[in-house]
């Protein structure tokens, strides 16, 4: 007897339901997905090339600010402010009067000096008349002593009177010169009570008001010459070896996004920026931490060609910037 399992009955090919059929499609057989992957790879490769090129061609930093020549206007006398002629944001010209201090004392001294000049002028007139009289007497005494008409004692008196008249006239003339010099001194002192702009520029800050009593050296105004500004960039010490004077620089200023400014390096300072801090770091202590130093460089700024000459260009000291120094 044959067992049922020895001669199995042939089973026709079974067809699995469609829901459980294995998915024979593969990702790479979809054309649009292959295209996207290729584009992504190309973009990544292009970005890497651009990054490497930028690193080798440019030195970049955002530790950069616009700088300019600033002047703190002050007085060298202690006095009260009586007049202010300008305020913050005003443009001033060289020599323009911007403030006046109380000057009644030097004005009184000036009038006294002028009166003394008039007095010495009159004194010269009197002394000249006296000199002419004594000179005539002396000339007659000379003729008289020659003719033996007067005694030697009378001649000696006439001679001494003549010498005294000459001395008094010279003294009066010297007093006149001295009084004029004293007037010049008083007029020079009066200039200390008038504050003038030392150059063209804009008033950026006013520190005083009417009635304030200022001390010598105290700031009254702070002004900047906006026609002569530059970018001060602090480059890391590892990057400074790559730059040199005259290198071209592309500048991005935060106030003008999308606008490219250009310039070149015209100064590389001879010390790290840390040497100019008010409180330099003391590296002699035991908790020393090495910090990468930065070297300041000055970069000129050229007006973009897209800006007309009449269009205002606001480049104020202290504004932030980014610089790209072309080193290759």
Foldseek 3Di string as FASTA:
>chain_A
DDDDVVDDDDDPDDDDDPVPDDDPDDQVVDVVSVVVVVVVVVVVVVVVVVVVCLVVFWAKDQQKWKDFDKDFFFFAAWFFWADADDAAFDWDAAFAWGTFTDDPVLVVVLVVLVVQLVVLVVQLVVLVVQLVVLVVVLVVLVVCVVVVNDDPVVNVVSVVSNVVSVVSNVVSVVSNVVSVVSSVVSVVVNVSRTTGHNHIWGFHHADDDGGDTDHGPDGGTMTGHPVDMWMKHWGWPVCPVLDDFFFKKWKFFPVDPPDIWIWTWHDWDPDFPLVPDPDRDDCPDPPDDDDTTTTIIIIHTDDDPVDDPPDDDDRDTPTTMMMITGRD
